[in-house]
Every structure is written in structure tokens, then in C-alpha cells.
C-alpha atoms as a PDB file:
ATOM      1  CA  UNK A   1      -3.840  -9.193  10.572  1.00  0.00           C
ATOM      2  CA  UNK A   2      -5.468  -5.674  10.817  1.00  0.00           C
ATOM      3  CA  UNK A   3      -8.272  -4.771   8.172  1.00  0.00           C
ATOM      4  CA  UNK A   4      -9.000  -1.094   7.287  1.00  0.00           C
ATOM      5  CA  UNK A   5     -12.281   0.309   6.161  1.00  0.00           C
ATOM      6  CA  UNK A   6     -13.428   3.261   4.343  1.00  0.00           C
ATOM      7  CA  UNK A   7     -16.712   4.365   3.325  1.00  0.00           C
ATOM      8  CA  UNK A   8     -17.227   7.715   1.290  1.00  0.00           C
ATOM      9  CA  UNK A   9     -20.025   9.245   0.250  1.00  0.00           C
ATOM     10  CA  UNK A  10     -19.737  11.330  -2.823  1.00  0.00           C
ATOM     11  CA  UNK A  11     -22.406  14.231  -3.748  1.00  0.00           C
ATOM     12  CA  UNK A  12     -23.127  14.494  -7.643  1.00  0.00           C
ATOM     13  CA  UNK A  13     -24.535  17.800  -8.522  1.00  0.00           C
ATOM     14  CA  UNK A  14     -27.063  18.262 -11.144  1.00  0.00           C
ATOM     15  CA  UNK A  15     -26.875  14.369 -12.214  1.00  0.00           C
ATOM     16  CA  UNK A  16     -29.883  13.340 -13.346  1.00  0.00           C
ATOM     17  CA  UNK A  17     -29.638   9.665 -14.178  1.00  0.00           C
ATOM     18  CA  UNK A  18     -28.362   6.020 -12.886  1.00  0.00           C
ATOM     19  CA  UNK A  19     -26.454   6.112 -16.142  1.00  0.00           C
ATOM     20  CA  UNK A  20     -24.409   9.617 -15.309  1.00  0.00           C
ATOM     21  CA  UNK A  21     -24.367   8.099 -11.754  1.00  0.00           C
ATOM     22  CA  UNK A  22     -22.940   4.254 -12.466  1.00  0.00           C
ATOM     23  CA  UNK A  23     -20.294   6.221 -15.043  1.00  0.00           C
ATOM     24  CA  UNK A  24     -18.714   8.055 -12.312  1.00  0.00           C
ATOM     25  CA  UNK A  25     -19.070   5.632  -9.947  1.00  0.00           C
ATOM     26  CA  UNK A  26     -17.423   3.172 -12.111  1.00  0.00           C
ATOM     27  CA  UNK A  27     -14.702   5.480 -12.962  1.00  0.00           C
ATOM     28  CA  UNK A  28     -13.994   6.091  -9.090  1.00  0.00           C
ATOM     29  CA  UNK A  29     -13.927   2.074  -8.020  1.00  0.00           C
ATOM     30  CA  UNK A  30     -11.988   0.990 -11.250  1.00  0.00           C
ATOM     31  CA  UNK A  31      -9.008   3.801 -10.661  1.00  0.00           C
ATOM     32  CA  UNK A  32      -8.612   3.133  -6.749  1.00  0.00           C
ATOM     33  CA  UNK A  33      -9.144  -0.601  -7.463  1.00  0.00           C
ATOM     34  CA  UNK A  34      -5.657  -0.332  -9.917  1.00  0.00           C
ATOM     35  CA  UNK A  35      -3.776   2.486  -7.954  1.00  0.00           C
ATOM     36  CA  UNK A  36      -4.245   0.870  -4.501  1.00  0.00           C
ATOM     37  CA  UNK A  37      -4.827  -2.804  -5.183  1.00  0.00           C
ATOM     38  CA  UNK A  38      -7.875  -2.334  -3.007  1.00  0.00           C
ATOM     39  CA  UNK A  39     -11.347  -3.800  -2.173  1.00  0.00           C
ATOM     40  CA  UNK A  40     -13.873  -1.397  -3.549  1.00  0.00           C
ATOM     41  CA  UNK A  41     -17.819  -1.473  -4.086  1.00  0.00           C
ATOM     42  CA  UNK A  42     -20.806   0.662  -4.186  1.00  0.00           C
ATOM     43  CA  UNK A  43     -22.456   0.021  -0.664  1.00  0.00           C
ATOM     44  CA  UNK A  44     -25.598   2.265  -0.588  1.00  0.00           C
ATOM     45  CA  UNK A  45     -27.477   4.829  -2.386  1.00  0.00           C
ATOM     46  CA  UNK A  46     -28.149   2.708  -5.468  1.00  0.00           C
ATOM     47  CA  UNK A  47     -31.331   4.496  -6.344  1.00  0.00           C
ATOM     48  CA  UNK A  48     -30.190   8.133  -5.529  1.00  0.00           C
ATOM     49  CA  UNK A  49     -28.581   9.570  -8.718  1.00  0.00           C
ATOM     50  CA  UNK A  50     -27.345  12.684  -6.868  1.00  0.00           C
ATOM     51  CA  UNK A  51     -25.449  10.455  -4.033  1.00  0.00           C
ATOM     52  CA  UNK A  52     -23.089   7.572  -4.019  1.00  0.00           C
ATOM     53  CA  UNK A  53     -22.026   5.515  -0.703  1.00  0.00           C
ATOM     54  CA  UNK A  54     -18.848   3.950  -1.986  1.00  0.00           C
ATOM     55  CA  UNK A  55     -16.773   1.077   0.413  1.00  0.00           C
ATOM     56  CA  UNK A  56     -12.956   0.570   0.234  1.00  0.00           C
ATOM     57  CA  UNK A  57     -11.198  -2.367   2.106  1.00  0.00           C
ATOM     58  CA  UNK A  58      -7.583  -2.991   2.844  1.00  0.00           C
ATOM     59  CA  UNK A  59      -5.816  -5.645   5.405  1.00  0.00           C
ATOM     60  CA  UNK A  60      -2.394  -5.625   6.266  1.00  0.00           C
ATOM     61  CA  UNK A  61      -0.443  -6.279   9.478  1.00  0.00           C
ATOM     62  CA  UNK A  62       0.184  -2.790  10.332  1.00  0.00           C
ATOM     63  CA  UNK A  63      -2.670   0.260  11.118  1.00  0.00           C
ATOM     64  CA  UNK A  64      -0.148   2.620  10.964  1.00  0.00           C
ATOM     65  CA  UNK A  65       0.030   1.542   6.931  1.00  0.00           C
ATOM     66  CA  UNK A  66      -3.613   0.692   6.273  1.00  0.00           C
ATOM     67  CA  UNK A  67      -4.682   4.500   8.031  1.00  0.00           C
ATOM     68  CA  UNK A  68      -1.740   5.833   5.541  1.00  0.00           C
ATOM     69  CA  UNK A  69      -2.984   3.787   2.610  1.00  0.00           C
ATOM     70  CA  UNK A  70      -6.914   4.616   3.381  1.00  0.00           C
ATOM     71  CA  UNK A  71      -5.920   8.649   3.621  1.00  0.00           C
ATOM     72  CA  UNK A  72      -3.950   8.237   0.390  1.00  0.00           C
ATOM     73  CA  UNK A  73      -7.189   6.675  -1.341  1.00  0.00           C
ATOM     74  CA  UNK A  74      -9.411   9.765   0.193  1.00  0.00           C
ATOM     75  CA  UNK A  75      -7.231  12.412  -1.314  1.00  0.00           C
ATOM     76  CA  UNK A  76      -7.174  10.702  -4.457  1.00  0.00           C
ATOM     77  CA  UNK A  77     -11.186  10.572  -4.628  1.00  0.00           C
ATOM     78  CA  UNK A  78     -11.112  14.225  -3.386  1.00  0.00           C
ATOM     79  CA  UNK A  79      -8.645  15.074  -6.268  1.00  0.00           C
ATOM     80  CA  UNK A  80      -9.760  12.952  -9.425  1.00  0.00           C
ATOM     81  CA  UNK A  81     -13.226  12.071  -9.086  1.00  0.00           C
ATOM     82  CA  UNK A  82     -15.689  14.003 -10.631  1.00  0.00           C
ATOM     83  CA  UNK A  83     -17.931  14.334  -7.822  1.00  0.00           C
ATOM     84  CA  UNK A  84     -17.872  16.255  -4.197  1.00  0.00           C
ATOM     85  CA  UNK A  85     -16.739  14.051  -1.017  1.00  0.00           C
ATOM     86  CA  UNK A  86     -19.912  14.974   1.108  1.00  0.00           C
ATOM     87  CA  UNK A  87     -18.688  12.470   4.260  1.00  0.00           C
ATOM     88  CA  UNK A  88     -16.256   9.991   4.543  1.00  0.00           C
ATOM     89  CA  UNK A  89     -16.003   7.329   8.024  1.00  0.00           C
ATOM     90  CA  UNK A  90     -12.758   5.058   8.511  1.00  0.00           C
ATOM     91  CA  UNK A  91     -12.536   1.922  10.894  1.00  0.00           C
ATOM     92  CA  UNK A  92      -9.990  -0.356  11.861  1.00  0.00           C
ATOM     93  CA  UNK A  93     -10.465  -3.911  13.122  1.00  0.00           C
ATOM     94  CA  UNK A  94      -7.904  -6.245  14.345  1.00  0.00           C
ATOM     95  CA  UNK A  95      -8.355 -10.009  13.544  1.00  0.00           C
ATOM     96  CA  UNK A  96      -5.970 -13.225  14.584  1.00  0.00           C
ATOM     97  CA  UNK A  97      -3.520 -11.036  16.405  1.00  0.00           C
END
């Protein structure tokens, strides 16, 4: 079993409250979970108004498939989030194989 991880850092320009940040983060996480059936969570920068760090995880039998899914998630966020993608990192691990 392969596991693919994606960490995305979003820049929320002009955001001045945690409430505004929470709105953007909740929207991105919900839409990605529904569309890609991926585990998703805010994983860092919780107390910073203008930055959000989100983590996504998928698992499956083939790393190439997982890479494609994570690429699609990143493209979706870039196209649909009310924030700019400042950074992203992917990692793949093999378990029980």
C-alpha cells in the first residue's frame, strides 16, 4: 500500500481575522474532501491570519495514481481557493509492500 501526502501553504492576502481565515480553510478542505475523497486537515499556522497550512493524504496500490490525484488536488486548490498557493510539498511512502 502506498500513501501520498501533500502539504499546501496558502497566503491569504488582506485577511485580518481568524474568522475570515476559517471561512477560506473550511471551504477548501470541504471541497477537496468531497471531490477527491482525500483526508484533509489544517496542519499548521493555526494562529496566523494570513497563512494557512493544509495537509492532504491519499492511499492506494500505485504511487503513479496517487501522484496524479495529489497533482489534481493542488491544481484544484490553485484554481478554486480564495487564496494564493505559496508553497507545496509531496511525499510518498510504501507500507506493507
